[in-house]
Amino acid sequence: MFDFSEITASLNIEEATQNLIDGINSSFTTFYKTYASYLGGNITDLLGQVNPQYPADSLKNCTWLVRDVLSKAQDRGDKQLTGVQGVRITCSLINLPWLLTKFS
């Protein structure tokens, strides 16, 4: 889960961009560390899926990995992941006023 409230705001667009990238990458790192045992267990390999410059690639890599793990678990009849349907990406603008004040 991405918690954009933890990202340090900056009026400098380059700095703000880098802070956003770092925050997103931190979320991927936390995800992989939390779910490593389900995703193959090799944390070094998992963290290698995080692209430090292009978070969209990291999201694509993570999505494909989760889909692959779930597909293989379903093929094996793995009961541990029963009910897990995949990756859901949602965007909530509930904090939009907060976000706008943070960057203004």
Protein backbone atom coordinates (compact mmCIF):
# COMPACT_ATOMS: atom_id res chain seq x y z
CA MET A 1 0.00 0.00 0.00
CA PHE A 2 1.33 3.39 -0.90
CA ASP A 3 1.10 5.96 1.86
CA PHE A 4 1.65 9.26 0.13
CA SER A 5 1.33 11.14 3.43
CA GLU A 6 4.88 10.09 4.30
CA ILE A 7 6.39 11.78 1.25
CA THR A 8 8.26 14.99 1.95
CA ALA A 9 6.86 17.89 -0.05
CA SER A 10 9.06 20.29 -1.95
CA LEU A 11 8.45 23.27 -4.18
CA ASN A 12 11.43 22.13 -6.26
CA ILE A 13 9.93 19.83 -8.92
CA GLU A 14 13.03 17.64 -9.24
CA GLU A 15 13.23 17.16 -5.48
CA ALA A 16 9.48 16.53 -5.22
CA THR A 17 9.70 13.96 -8.03
CA GLN A 18 12.60 12.16 -6.35
CA ASN A 19 10.80 12.18 -2.99
CA LEU A 20 7.75 10.64 -4.64
CA ILE A 21 9.85 7.97 -6.39
CA ASP A 22 11.67 7.17 -3.14
CA GLY A 23 8.38 6.89 -1.25
CA ILE A 24 6.88 4.55 -3.82
CA ASN A 25 10.03 2.43 -3.91
CA SER A 26 9.98 2.24 -0.12
CA SER A 27 6.45 0.83 -0.35
CA PHE A 28 7.59 -1.88 -2.77
CA THR A 29 10.50 -2.74 -0.48
CA THR A 30 8.14 -3.05 2.49
CA PHE A 31 5.74 -5.19 0.43
CA TYR A 32 8.49 -7.58 -0.66
CA LYS A 33 9.92 -7.87 2.87
CA THR A 34 6.45 -8.51 4.31
CA TYR A 35 5.39 -11.12 1.76
CA ALA A 36 8.75 -12.67 0.81
CA SER A 37 7.75 -16.09 2.11
CA TYR A 38 4.76 -16.14 -0.26
CA LEU A 39 6.69 -14.71 -3.21
CA GLY A 40 9.58 -17.13 -3.32
CA GLY A 41 11.52 -16.22 -0.20
CA ASN A 42 14.66 -14.77 -1.78
CA ILE A 43 14.53 -11.17 -0.57
CA THR A 44 17.58 -10.13 -2.63
CA ASP A 45 15.90 -11.28 -5.84
CA LEU A 46 12.63 -9.66 -4.84
CA LEU A 47 14.25 -6.33 -4.06
CA GLY A 48 15.94 -6.55 -7.46
CA GLN A 49 12.45 -6.11 -8.94
CA VAL A 50 12.37 -2.52 -7.64
CA ASN A 51 13.49 -0.10 -10.35
CA PRO A 52 14.97 2.86 -8.45
CA GLN A 53 14.24 5.30 -11.29
CA TYR A 54 10.94 4.07 -12.75
CA PRO A 55 8.29 3.04 -10.20
CA ALA A 56 5.91 2.10 -13.03
CA ASP A 57 8.32 -0.71 -13.92
CA SER A 58 8.38 -1.77 -10.27
CA LEU A 59 4.57 -1.89 -10.25
CA LYS A 60 4.53 -3.96 -13.45
CA ASN A 61 7.15 -6.35 -12.04
CA CYS A 62 5.28 -6.72 -8.76
CA THR A 63 1.94 -7.30 -10.49
CA TRP A 64 3.36 -9.98 -12.79
CA LEU A 65 5.13 -11.69 -9.89
CA VAL A 66 1.97 -11.81 -7.76
CA ARG A 67 -0.07 -13.11 -10.71
CA ASP A 68 2.53 -15.80 -11.39
CA VAL A 69 2.68 -16.87 -7.72
CA LEU A 70 -1.12 -17.05 -7.49
CA SER A 71 -1.41 -18.97 -10.75
CA LYS A 72 1.14 -21.55 -9.61
CA ALA A 73 -0.50 -21.82 -6.19
CA GLN A 74 -3.87 -22.44 -7.82
CA ASP A 75 -2.35 -25.10 -10.11
CA ARG A 76 -0.88 -26.85 -7.05
CA GLY A 77 -4.14 -26.56 -5.10
CA ASP A 78 -2.35 -24.49 -2.46
CA LYS A 79 -4.91 -23.78 0.27
CA GLN A 80 -2.74 -21.10 1.92
CA LEU A 81 -3.54 -18.59 -0.83
CA THR A 82 -7.16 -19.59 -1.32
CA GLY A 83 -9.31 -16.52 -1.76
CA VAL A 84 -6.46 -14.25 -2.88
CA GLN A 85 -7.57 -12.91 -6.24
CA GLY A 86 -4.60 -10.80 -7.30
CA VAL A 87 -3.47 -7.23 -7.38
CA ARG A 88 -5.96 -4.43 -7.06
CA ILE A 89 -4.93 -0.90 -7.88
CA THR A 90 -7.14 1.86 -6.60
CA CYS A 91 -6.66 5.55 -6.30
CA SER A 92 -8.51 7.56 -3.74
CA LEU A 93 -8.75 11.31 -3.88
CA ILE A 94 -10.17 11.50 -0.38
CA ASN A 95 -7.00 13.27 0.77
CA LEU A 96 -6.81 15.57 -2.24
CA PRO A 97 -7.32 18.77 -0.16
CA TRP A 98 -4.50 17.66 2.15
CA LEU A 99 -2.27 16.85 -0.82
CA LEU A 100 -2.95 20.21 -2.45
CA THR A 101 -2.12 22.12 0.73
CA LYS A 102 1.03 20.06 1.25
CA PHE A 103 2.39 21.03 -2.18
CA SER A 104 1.26 24.66 -2.25
